[in-house]
Amino acid sequence: MIAGSAKGRRIKSVPGDVTRPITDRAKESLFNIIGPDIEGAAFLDLFAGTGSVGIEALSRGASFCRFVDKNNQALDTVKNNLKLTGLSNQSEVLRKDALRMLAIHPDRKFDYVFIAPPQYKGLWLEAIRELDGNSTWLSGDAWVIVQIHPVEYEALTLEHLGEFEQRKYGSVLFVFYSPSSWPGSG
């Protein structure tokens, strides 16, 4: 279920078990944490799956969201969900390997980067390290939000990003990072 301008619309799931959808409770909690700062923000949804987090960001006032996934079924689902919610014109859907994309020079900066890769494969570690090594993807006060199962967590020493918060909702753990120069990070 989506809140904001597309409130009440139920988005479609990706067929099969290639994605792990976020629970409505965890997603609502995440956007309660972000609050009104989402207004006008640029949002990057990596390992997009159904696109529900990026769509929620758009529905709550983000100005733009780029959805990245390499699975064709997931991308078709994201496109259908954007059409269903009427938010296609504020978005871009790319079939790319998220890790490879993070290694290149960005075409824009993002205020929020959401990382929710397939579980138990260490992909979140690779993604956060890629972003740390190429933080030009991030605006100065950006948040990088990782969604993992709590057993996947490990503390990281990063050069440009610092962990500043964790929130757990059942089997969902959100880990929040920001550029190290930002007060309150680290």
N, C-alpha and C. Protein backbone atom coordinates (compact mmCIF):
# COMPACT_ATOMS: atom_id res chain seq x y z
N MET A 1 0.84 -1.18 0.00
CA MET A 1 0.00 0.00 0.00
C MET A 1 0.89 1.25 0.00
N ILE A 2 0.50 2.24 -0.76
CA ILE A 2 1.27 3.47 -0.89
C ILE A 2 0.57 4.59 -0.12
N ALA A 3 1.37 5.50 0.44
CA ALA A 3 0.84 6.70 1.09
C ALA A 3 1.12 7.89 0.19
N GLY A 4 0.77 9.09 0.63
CA GLY A 4 1.05 10.29 -0.15
C GLY A 4 0.08 10.47 -1.30
N SER A 5 0.54 11.05 -2.41
CA SER A 5 -0.34 11.38 -3.53
C SER A 5 -0.94 10.15 -4.19
N ALA A 6 -0.29 9.00 -4.11
CA ALA A 6 -0.81 7.76 -4.69
C ALA A 6 -1.44 6.88 -3.62
N LYS A 7 -1.87 7.50 -2.53
CA LYS A 7 -2.38 6.79 -1.35
C LYS A 7 -3.44 5.75 -1.72
N GLY A 8 -3.30 4.58 -1.07
CA GLY A 8 -4.30 3.54 -1.20
C GLY A 8 -4.09 2.62 -2.38
N ARG A 9 -3.20 2.95 -3.28
CA ARG A 9 -2.97 2.08 -4.43
C ARG A 9 -2.08 0.92 -4.00
N ARG A 10 -2.48 -0.26 -4.39
CA ARG A 10 -1.73 -1.46 -4.05
C ARG A 10 -0.86 -1.83 -5.25
N ILE A 11 0.45 -1.80 -5.04
CA ILE A 11 1.33 -2.09 -6.16
C ILE A 11 1.47 -3.60 -6.35
N LYS A 12 1.85 -3.96 -7.56
CA LYS A 12 1.98 -5.37 -7.93
C LYS A 12 3.34 -5.91 -7.50
N SER A 13 3.38 -7.22 -7.24
CA SER A 13 4.62 -7.90 -6.86
C SER A 13 5.32 -8.44 -8.10
N VAL A 14 6.61 -8.67 -7.97
CA VAL A 14 7.38 -9.32 -9.03
C VAL A 14 7.03 -10.80 -9.00
N PRO A 15 6.70 -11.40 -10.14
CA PRO A 15 6.39 -12.83 -10.16
C PRO A 15 7.58 -13.66 -9.67
N GLY A 16 7.30 -14.75 -8.97
CA GLY A 16 8.35 -15.64 -8.48
C GLY A 16 8.95 -15.15 -7.18
N ASP A 17 10.17 -15.59 -6.91
CA ASP A 17 10.80 -15.24 -5.63
C ASP A 17 12.15 -14.54 -5.82
N VAL A 18 12.25 -13.74 -6.89
CA VAL A 18 13.51 -13.06 -7.18
C VAL A 18 13.69 -11.78 -6.34
N THR A 19 12.65 -11.31 -5.69
CA THR A 19 12.75 -10.11 -4.87
C THR A 19 12.26 -10.39 -3.46
N ARG A 20 12.60 -9.49 -2.54
CA ARG A 20 12.06 -9.59 -1.19
C ARG A 20 11.36 -8.26 -0.89
N PRO A 21 10.07 -8.23 -1.04
CA PRO A 21 9.34 -6.98 -0.82
C PRO A 21 9.45 -6.51 0.62
N ILE A 22 9.48 -5.21 0.78
CA ILE A 22 9.50 -4.59 2.10
C ILE A 22 8.08 -4.65 2.67
N THR A 23 7.97 -4.83 3.98
CA THR A 23 6.65 -4.84 4.59
C THR A 23 6.10 -3.41 4.64
N ASP A 24 4.79 -3.28 4.63
CA ASP A 24 4.17 -1.95 4.73
C ASP A 24 4.59 -1.26 6.02
N ARG A 25 4.67 -2.02 7.11
CA ARG A 25 5.05 -1.44 8.41
C ARG A 25 6.47 -0.86 8.36
N ALA A 26 7.40 -1.63 7.80
CA ALA A 26 8.79 -1.15 7.73
C ALA A 26 8.89 0.06 6.80
N LYS A 27 8.18 0.03 5.68
CA LYS A 27 8.24 1.15 4.73
C LYS A 27 7.64 2.41 5.35
N GLU A 28 6.53 2.27 6.04
CA GLU A 28 5.91 3.43 6.70
C GLU A 28 6.86 4.00 7.76
N SER A 29 7.50 3.11 8.52
CA SER A 29 8.45 3.56 9.55
C SER A 29 9.62 4.29 8.92
N LEU A 30 10.12 3.77 7.80
CA LEU A 30 11.23 4.42 7.11
C LEU A 30 10.86 5.85 6.71
N PHE A 31 9.68 6.02 6.13
CA PHE A 31 9.30 7.36 5.67
C PHE A 31 8.89 8.27 6.82
N ASN A 32 8.52 7.70 7.96
CA ASN A 32 8.32 8.53 9.15
C ASN A 32 9.66 9.07 9.64
N ILE A 33 10.73 8.29 9.49
CA ILE A 33 12.07 8.75 9.87
C ILE A 33 12.53 9.86 8.92
N ILE A 34 12.36 9.64 7.62
CA ILE A 34 12.79 10.63 6.63
C ILE A 34 11.96 11.90 6.77
N GLY A 35 10.67 11.74 6.99
CA GLY A 35 9.77 12.86 7.20
C GLY A 35 9.67 13.80 6.01
N PRO A 36 9.44 15.09 6.27
CA PRO A 36 9.21 16.05 5.20
C PRO A 36 10.45 16.36 4.36
N ASP A 37 11.62 15.88 4.78
CA ASP A 37 12.84 16.12 3.99
C ASP A 37 12.80 15.45 2.62
N ILE A 38 11.85 14.54 2.41
CA ILE A 38 11.73 13.88 1.11
C ILE A 38 11.23 14.85 0.04
N GLU A 39 10.56 15.93 0.47
CA GLU A 39 10.02 16.93 -0.47
C GLU A 39 11.12 17.47 -1.38
N GLY A 40 10.95 17.28 -2.68
CA GLY A 40 11.87 17.81 -3.67
C GLY A 40 13.17 17.05 -3.81
N ALA A 41 13.32 15.93 -3.11
CA ALA A 41 14.57 15.17 -3.11
C ALA A 41 14.72 14.31 -4.37
N ALA A 42 15.98 14.04 -4.70
CA ALA A 42 16.31 13.06 -5.74
C ALA A 42 16.61 11.74 -5.04
N PHE A 43 15.96 10.66 -5.48
CA PHE A 43 15.99 9.37 -4.80
C PHE A 43 16.52 8.32 -5.77
N LEU A 44 17.44 7.49 -5.30
CA LEU A 44 18.00 6.40 -6.10
C LEU A 44 17.61 5.09 -5.43
N ASP A 45 16.84 4.27 -6.13
CA ASP A 45 16.36 2.98 -5.62
C ASP A 45 17.15 1.87 -6.31
N LEU A 46 18.18 1.37 -5.62
CA LEU A 46 19.02 0.31 -6.17
C LEU A 46 18.46 -1.05 -5.82
N PHE A 47 18.63 -2.02 -6.72
CA PHE A 47 18.03 -3.34 -6.54
C PHE A 47 16.53 -3.14 -6.34
N ALA A 48 15.90 -2.42 -7.25
CA ALA A 48 14.56 -1.84 -7.07
C ALA A 48 13.44 -2.83 -6.80
N GLY A 49 13.54 -4.05 -7.31
CA GLY A 49 12.46 -5.02 -7.07
C GLY A 49 11.14 -4.53 -7.62
N THR A 50 10.15 -4.35 -6.75
CA THR A 50 8.83 -3.86 -7.17
C THR A 50 8.83 -2.35 -7.38
N GLY A 51 9.84 -1.69 -6.82
CA GLY A 51 9.90 -0.23 -6.88
C GLY A 51 9.12 0.45 -5.78
N SER A 52 8.63 -0.30 -4.81
CA SER A 52 7.70 0.28 -3.83
C SER A 52 8.33 1.38 -2.99
N VAL A 53 9.62 1.29 -2.68
CA VAL A 53 10.25 2.32 -1.85
C VAL A 53 10.43 3.61 -2.65
N GLY A 54 10.93 3.50 -3.87
CA GLY A 54 11.07 4.68 -4.72
C GLY A 54 9.73 5.30 -5.06
N ILE A 55 8.73 4.47 -5.29
CA ILE A 55 7.38 4.97 -5.58
C ILE A 55 6.81 5.69 -4.36
N GLU A 56 7.06 5.13 -3.19
CA GLU A 56 6.63 5.80 -1.95
C GLU A 56 7.30 7.17 -1.84
N ALA A 57 8.60 7.23 -2.15
CA ALA A 57 9.33 8.51 -2.10
C ALA A 57 8.69 9.53 -3.04
N LEU A 58 8.39 9.11 -4.26
CA LEU A 58 7.74 10.01 -5.22
C LEU A 58 6.37 10.45 -4.73
N SER A 59 5.62 9.49 -4.21
CA SER A 59 4.27 9.77 -3.74
C SER A 59 4.27 10.75 -2.57
N ARG A 60 5.35 10.75 -1.80
CA ARG A 60 5.46 11.65 -0.65
C ARG A 60 6.18 12.96 -0.97
N GLY A 61 6.51 13.17 -2.25
CA GLY A 61 7.03 14.48 -2.63
C GLY A 61 8.42 14.53 -3.22
N ALA A 62 9.11 13.40 -3.36
CA ALA A 62 10.42 13.43 -4.03
C ALA A 62 10.21 13.94 -5.45
N SER A 63 11.18 14.69 -5.97
CA SER A 63 11.03 15.27 -7.30
C SER A 63 11.41 14.29 -8.40
N PHE A 64 12.25 13.29 -8.07
CA PHE A 64 12.75 12.36 -9.07
C PHE A 64 13.19 11.08 -8.39
N CYS A 65 13.00 9.95 -9.08
CA CYS A 65 13.53 8.67 -8.61
C CYS A 65 14.06 7.88 -9.80
N ARG A 66 15.28 7.39 -9.63
CA ARG A 66 15.86 6.46 -10.60
C ARG A 66 15.79 5.06 -9.99
N PHE A 67 15.18 4.14 -10.72
CA PHE A 67 15.05 2.75 -10.30
C PHE A 67 16.07 1.93 -11.07
N VAL A 68 16.87 1.14 -10.36
CA VAL A 68 17.90 0.34 -11.00
C VAL A 68 17.74 -1.12 -10.57
N ASP A 69 17.68 -2.00 -11.55
CA ASP A 69 17.65 -3.43 -11.30
C ASP A 69 18.15 -4.10 -12.57
N LYS A 70 18.66 -5.31 -12.45
CA LYS A 70 19.10 -6.00 -13.66
C LYS A 70 18.14 -7.12 -14.05
N ASN A 71 17.10 -7.33 -13.26
CA ASN A 71 16.12 -8.38 -13.53
C ASN A 71 14.98 -7.81 -14.37
N ASN A 72 14.74 -8.39 -15.53
CA ASN A 72 13.70 -7.88 -16.43
C ASN A 72 12.30 -7.94 -15.83
N GLN A 73 11.99 -9.00 -15.10
CA GLN A 73 10.66 -9.10 -14.46
C GLN A 73 10.48 -7.98 -13.45
N ALA A 74 11.52 -7.69 -12.68
CA ALA A 74 11.45 -6.61 -11.70
C ALA A 74 11.24 -5.28 -12.41
N LEU A 75 11.98 -5.03 -13.47
CA LEU A 75 11.85 -3.76 -14.19
C LEU A 75 10.47 -3.60 -14.81
N ASP A 76 9.92 -4.67 -15.37
CA ASP A 76 8.55 -4.61 -15.91
C ASP A 76 7.56 -4.30 -14.80
N THR A 77 7.78 -4.88 -13.62
CA THR A 77 6.91 -4.62 -12.48
C THR A 77 7.01 -3.17 -12.04
N VAL A 78 8.22 -2.64 -11.97
CA VAL A 78 8.42 -1.23 -11.59
C VAL A 78 7.67 -0.33 -12.58
N LYS A 79 7.85 -0.58 -13.87
CA LYS A 79 7.17 0.24 -14.88
C LYS A 79 5.66 0.18 -14.74
N ASN A 80 5.13 -1.02 -14.53
CA ASN A 80 3.67 -1.17 -14.34
C ASN A 80 3.20 -0.45 -13.09
N ASN A 81 3.98 -0.54 -12.01
CA ASN A 81 3.60 0.12 -10.76
C ASN A 81 3.67 1.64 -10.89
N LEU A 82 4.63 2.14 -11.65
CA LEU A 82 4.71 3.59 -11.89
C LEU A 82 3.51 4.06 -12.69
N LYS A 83 3.12 3.27 -13.66
CA LYS A 83 1.94 3.62 -14.47
C LYS A 83 0.68 3.59 -13.59
N LEU A 84 0.56 2.57 -12.76
CA LEU A 84 -0.58 2.42 -11.86
C LEU A 84 -0.72 3.61 -10.91
N THR A 85 0.42 4.13 -10.45
CA THR A 85 0.40 5.23 -9.49
C THR A 85 0.45 6.61 -10.15
N GLY A 86 0.64 6.65 -11.47
CA GLY A 86 0.70 7.92 -12.19
C GLY A 86 1.98 8.70 -11.93
N LEU A 87 3.06 8.00 -11.60
CA LEU A 87 4.31 8.68 -11.24
C LEU A 87 5.44 8.45 -12.26
N SER A 88 5.10 7.93 -13.42
CA SER A 88 6.12 7.61 -14.43
C SER A 88 6.93 8.82 -14.88
N ASN A 89 6.28 9.98 -14.98
CA ASN A 89 6.96 11.16 -15.53
C ASN A 89 8.03 11.73 -14.61
N GLN A 90 8.10 11.27 -13.36
CA GLN A 90 9.11 11.77 -12.41
C GLN A 90 10.20 10.73 -12.19
N SER A 91 10.28 9.74 -13.08
CA SER A 91 11.17 8.63 -12.80
C SER A 91 11.94 8.18 -14.04
N GLU A 92 12.94 7.37 -13.76
CA GLU A 92 13.73 6.73 -14.79
C GLU A 92 13.95 5.30 -14.33
N VAL A 93 13.74 4.34 -15.22
CA VAL A 93 13.90 2.93 -14.89
C VAL A 93 15.04 2.38 -15.75
N LEU A 94 16.09 1.88 -15.10
CA LEU A 94 17.28 1.43 -15.82
C LEU A 94 17.58 -0.04 -15.55
N ARG A 95 17.85 -0.77 -16.63
CA ARG A 95 18.32 -2.15 -16.50
C ARG A 95 19.84 -2.08 -16.44
N LYS A 96 20.36 -2.15 -15.22
CA LYS A 96 21.81 -2.08 -15.00
C LYS A 96 22.18 -2.89 -13.77
N ASP A 97 23.43 -3.29 -13.75
CA ASP A 97 24.01 -3.87 -12.55
C ASP A 97 24.33 -2.71 -11.61
N ALA A 98 23.72 -2.68 -10.45
CA ALA A 98 23.86 -1.56 -9.52
C ALA A 98 25.31 -1.32 -9.13
N LEU A 99 26.05 -2.38 -8.89
CA LEU A 99 27.44 -2.24 -8.46
C LEU A 99 28.29 -1.62 -9.56
N ARG A 100 28.09 -2.06 -10.79
CA ARG A 100 28.83 -1.48 -11.91
C ARG A 100 28.46 -0.02 -12.11
N MET A 101 27.17 0.29 -11.96
CA MET A 101 26.72 1.66 -12.14
C MET A 101 27.37 2.58 -11.10
N LEU A 102 27.47 2.12 -9.86
CA LEU A 102 28.06 2.95 -8.80
C LEU A 102 29.55 3.21 -9.02
N ALA A 103 30.19 2.38 -9.83
CA ALA A 103 31.62 2.53 -10.08
C ALA A 103 31.93 3.63 -11.10
N ILE A 104 30.92 4.07 -11.86
CA ILE A 104 31.16 5.08 -12.90
C ILE A 104 30.85 6.48 -12.37
N HIS A 105 31.28 7.48 -13.13
CA HIS A 105 31.00 8.86 -12.75
C HIS A 105 29.50 9.13 -12.91
N PRO A 106 28.85 9.69 -11.90
CA PRO A 106 27.40 9.90 -11.97
C PRO A 106 27.01 11.06 -12.88
N ASP A 107 25.79 10.98 -13.38
CA ASP A 107 25.24 12.08 -14.18
C ASP A 107 24.44 13.05 -13.32
N ARG A 108 24.23 12.69 -12.06
CA ARG A 108 23.54 13.57 -11.11
C ARG A 108 23.82 13.11 -9.70
N LYS A 109 23.54 13.97 -8.74
CA LYS A 109 23.69 13.62 -7.33
C LYS A 109 22.32 13.25 -6.75
N PHE A 110 22.34 12.42 -5.74
CA PHE A 110 21.10 11.99 -5.10
C PHE A 110 21.10 12.36 -3.63
N ASP A 111 19.92 12.70 -3.13
CA ASP A 111 19.73 13.04 -1.72
C ASP A 111 19.51 11.79 -0.87
N TYR A 112 18.95 10.77 -1.49
CA TYR A 112 18.70 9.49 -0.81
C TYR A 112 19.08 8.36 -1.75
N VAL A 113 19.82 7.39 -1.22
CA VAL A 113 20.13 6.17 -1.97
C VAL A 113 19.63 5.02 -1.11
N PHE A 114 18.72 4.23 -1.68
CA PHE A 114 18.15 3.09 -0.97
C PHE A 114 18.73 1.82 -1.55
N ILE A 115 19.34 1.00 -0.70
CA ILE A 115 20.01 -0.24 -1.12
C ILE A 115 19.32 -1.41 -0.45
N ALA A 116 18.63 -2.23 -1.24
CA ALA A 116 17.94 -3.42 -0.69
C ALA A 116 18.17 -4.60 -1.63
N PRO A 117 19.40 -5.15 -1.61
CA PRO A 117 19.73 -6.23 -2.53
C PRO A 117 19.19 -7.58 -2.06
N PRO A 118 19.30 -8.59 -2.92
CA PRO A 118 18.95 -9.95 -2.47
C PRO A 118 19.73 -10.29 -1.20
N GLN A 119 19.06 -11.00 -0.30
CA GLN A 119 19.63 -11.29 1.01
C GLN A 119 20.79 -12.28 0.97
N TYR A 120 21.61 -12.19 1.99
CA TYR A 120 22.65 -13.16 2.32
C TYR A 120 23.71 -13.35 1.24
N LYS A 121 23.90 -12.38 0.39
CA LYS A 121 24.91 -12.49 -0.67
C LYS A 121 26.01 -11.45 -0.51
N GLY A 122 25.93 -10.63 0.53
CA GLY A 122 26.95 -9.61 0.76
C GLY A 122 26.91 -8.44 -0.22
N LEU A 123 25.84 -8.37 -1.01
CA LEU A 123 25.75 -7.30 -2.01
C LEU A 123 25.63 -5.92 -1.38
N TRP A 124 25.00 -5.84 -0.21
CA TRP A 124 24.88 -4.54 0.45
C TRP A 124 26.26 -4.01 0.83
N LEU A 125 27.16 -4.92 1.24
CA LEU A 125 28.52 -4.52 1.59
C LEU A 125 29.25 -3.97 0.37
N GLU A 126 29.11 -4.67 -0.75
CA GLU A 126 29.74 -4.22 -1.99
C GLU A 126 29.18 -2.87 -2.42
N ALA A 127 27.87 -2.71 -2.32
CA ALA A 127 27.23 -1.46 -2.75
C ALA A 127 27.66 -0.29 -1.87
N ILE A 128 27.69 -0.47 -0.56
CA ILE A 128 28.06 0.63 0.32
C ILE A 128 29.54 0.98 0.13
N ARG A 129 30.37 -0.02 -0.12
CA ARG A 129 31.79 0.26 -0.39
C ARG A 129 31.98 0.98 -1.72
N GLU A 130 31.19 0.61 -2.74
CA GLU A 130 31.26 1.32 -4.02
C GLU A 130 30.87 2.79 -3.83
N LEU A 131 29.79 3.03 -3.09
CA LEU A 131 29.36 4.41 -2.84
C LEU A 131 30.40 5.17 -2.02
N ASP A 132 31.00 4.51 -1.07
CA ASP A 132 32.03 5.14 -0.27
C ASP A 132 33.22 5.55 -1.14
N GLY A 133 33.56 4.70 -2.10
CA GLY A 133 34.67 4.99 -2.99
C GLY A 133 34.33 5.98 -4.09
N ASN A 134 33.05 6.18 -4.34
CA ASN A 134 32.60 7.10 -5.39
C ASN A 134 31.43 7.92 -4.84
N SER A 135 31.71 8.69 -3.81
CA SER A 135 30.66 9.44 -3.13
C SER A 135 30.16 10.63 -3.94
N THR A 136 30.65 10.80 -5.17
CA THR A 136 30.15 11.86 -6.04
C THR A 136 28.69 11.62 -6.45
N TRP A 137 28.17 10.43 -6.16
CA TRP A 137 26.75 10.15 -6.39
C TRP A 137 25.87 10.89 -5.37
N LEU A 138 26.46 11.36 -4.28
CA LEU A 138 25.70 11.86 -3.14
C LEU A 138 25.76 13.37 -3.01
N SER A 139 24.61 13.97 -2.70
CA SER A 139 24.61 15.38 -2.31
C SER A 139 25.30 15.47 -0.95
N GLY A 140 25.67 16.66 -0.54
CA GLY A 140 26.44 16.86 0.70
C GLY A 140 25.78 16.35 1.96
N ASP A 141 24.45 16.38 2.00
CA ASP A 141 23.75 15.91 3.19
C ASP A 141 22.90 14.67 2.90
N ALA A 142 23.35 13.89 1.94
CA ALA A 142 22.60 12.69 1.52
C ALA A 142 22.53 11.65 2.63
N TRP A 143 21.52 10.81 2.51
CA TRP A 143 21.41 9.62 3.34
C TRP A 143 21.50 8.41 2.42
N VAL A 144 22.26 7.43 2.85
CA VAL A 144 22.29 6.12 2.21
C VAL A 144 21.61 5.18 3.20
N ILE A 145 20.57 4.51 2.72
CA ILE A 145 19.78 3.64 3.60
C ILE A 145 19.88 2.22 3.07
N VAL A 146 20.36 1.32 3.92
CA VAL A 146 20.49 -0.08 3.56
C VAL A 146 19.40 -0.86 4.27
N GLN A 147 18.73 -1.73 3.52
CA GLN A 147 17.74 -2.64 4.10
C GLN A 147 18.29 -4.05 4.01
N ILE A 148 18.51 -4.67 5.18
CA ILE A 148 19.02 -6.03 5.25
C ILE A 148 18.31 -6.80 6.35
N HIS A 149 18.52 -8.10 6.40
CA HIS A 149 18.09 -8.89 7.54
C HIS A 149 19.12 -8.63 8.65
N PRO A 150 18.68 -8.51 9.91
CA PRO A 150 19.61 -8.19 11.01
C PRO A 150 20.85 -9.08 11.08
N VAL A 151 20.75 -10.36 10.72
CA VAL A 151 21.92 -11.25 10.81
C VAL A 151 22.99 -10.90 9.77
N GLU A 152 22.63 -10.12 8.75
CA GLU A 152 23.59 -9.74 7.72
C GLU A 152 24.49 -8.57 8.15
N TYR A 153 24.11 -7.86 9.18
CA TYR A 153 24.81 -6.63 9.55
C TYR A 153 26.23 -6.89 10.00
N GLU A 154 27.11 -6.02 9.58
CA GLU A 154 28.45 -5.93 10.17
C GLU A 154 28.89 -4.48 10.13
N ALA A 155 29.58 -4.08 11.17
CA ALA A 155 30.08 -2.70 11.25
C ALA A 155 31.17 -2.52 10.21
N LEU A 156 31.18 -1.35 9.59
CA LEU A 156 32.14 -1.07 8.54
C LEU A 156 32.96 0.17 8.87
N THR A 157 34.21 0.16 8.48
CA THR A 157 35.03 1.35 8.54
C THR A 157 35.11 1.88 7.11
N LEU A 158 34.53 3.05 6.91
CA LEU A 158 34.46 3.64 5.58
C LEU A 158 35.20 4.97 5.58
N GLU A 159 35.63 5.40 4.41
CA GLU A 159 36.40 6.63 4.31
C GLU A 159 35.52 7.88 4.21
N HIS A 160 34.44 7.80 3.44
CA HIS A 160 33.62 8.98 3.17
C HIS A 160 32.22 8.93 3.78
N LEU A 161 31.80 7.76 4.19
CA LEU A 161 30.47 7.58 4.77
C LEU A 161 30.58 7.14 6.21
N GLY A 162 29.63 7.60 7.03
CA GLY A 162 29.58 7.18 8.42
C GLY A 162 28.18 6.69 8.77
N GLU A 163 28.11 5.63 9.53
CA GLU A 163 26.80 5.12 10.00
C GLU A 163 26.32 6.04 11.12
N PHE A 164 25.05 6.44 11.03
CA PHE A 164 24.53 7.31 12.09
C PHE A 164 23.28 6.79 12.76
N GLU A 165 22.70 5.69 12.28
CA GLU A 165 21.45 5.20 12.89
C GLU A 165 21.19 3.79 12.41
N GLN A 166 20.47 3.03 13.25
CA GLN A 166 19.92 1.73 12.88
C GLN A 166 18.52 1.65 13.43
N ARG A 167 17.63 1.04 12.66
CA ARG A 167 16.27 0.78 13.14
C ARG A 167 15.88 -0.63 12.71
N LYS A 168 15.32 -1.39 13.63
CA LYS A 168 14.92 -2.77 13.36
C LYS A 168 13.42 -2.92 13.46
N TYR A 169 12.84 -3.57 12.48
CA TYR A 169 11.40 -3.86 12.42
C TYR A 169 11.24 -5.33 12.06
N GLY A 170 11.18 -6.18 13.06
CA GLY A 170 11.08 -7.62 12.80
C GLY A 170 12.33 -8.11 12.09
N SER A 171 12.15 -8.67 10.89
CA SER A 171 13.29 -9.20 10.14
C SER A 171 13.88 -8.17 9.18
N VAL A 172 13.54 -6.90 9.38
CA VAL A 172 14.08 -5.81 8.55
C VAL A 172 14.95 -4.91 9.42
N LEU A 173 16.18 -4.71 8.98
CA LEU A 173 17.07 -3.76 9.64
C LEU A 173 17.41 -2.67 8.63
N PHE A 174 17.18 -1.43 9.01
CA PHE A 174 17.62 -0.28 8.22
C PHE A 174 18.89 0.24 8.86
N VAL A 175 19.91 0.44 8.04
CA VAL A 175 21.16 1.04 8.50
C VAL A 175 21.34 2.32 7.69
N PHE A 176 21.54 3.43 8.40
CA PHE A 176 21.62 4.75 7.78
C PHE A 176 23.06 5.26 7.78
N TYR A 177 23.49 5.75 6.64
CA TYR A 177 24.83 6.32 6.47
C TYR A 177 24.69 7.71 5.87
N SER A 178 25.69 8.55 6.11
CA SER A 178 25.75 9.86 5.45
C SER A 178 27.20 10.22 5.25
N PRO A 179 27.46 11.22 4.39
CA PRO A 179 28.85 11.66 4.23
C PRO A 179 29.46 12.01 5.57
N SER A 180 30.69 11.58 5.80
CA SER A 180 31.34 11.74 7.11
C SER A 180 31.47 13.18 7.57
N SER A 181 31.47 14.11 6.62
CA SER A 181 31.59 15.52 6.99
C SER A 181 30.32 16.06 7.61
N TRP A 182 29.21 15.30 7.48
CA TRP A 182 27.93 15.78 8.00
C TRP A 182 27.89 15.63 9.51
N PRO A 183 27.54 16.68 10.25
CA PRO A 183 27.47 16.56 11.71
C PRO A 183 26.47 15.47 12.11
N GLY A 184 26.84 14.67 13.04
CA GLY A 184 25.95 13.61 13.52
C GLY A 184 26.24 12.29 12.86
N SER A 185 27.10 12.25 11.85
CA SER A 185 27.43 10.96 11.24
C SER A 185 28.65 10.38 11.94
N GLY A 186 28.83 9.10 11.74
CA GLY A 186 30.06 8.51 12.21
C GLY A 186 29.90 7.68 13.39
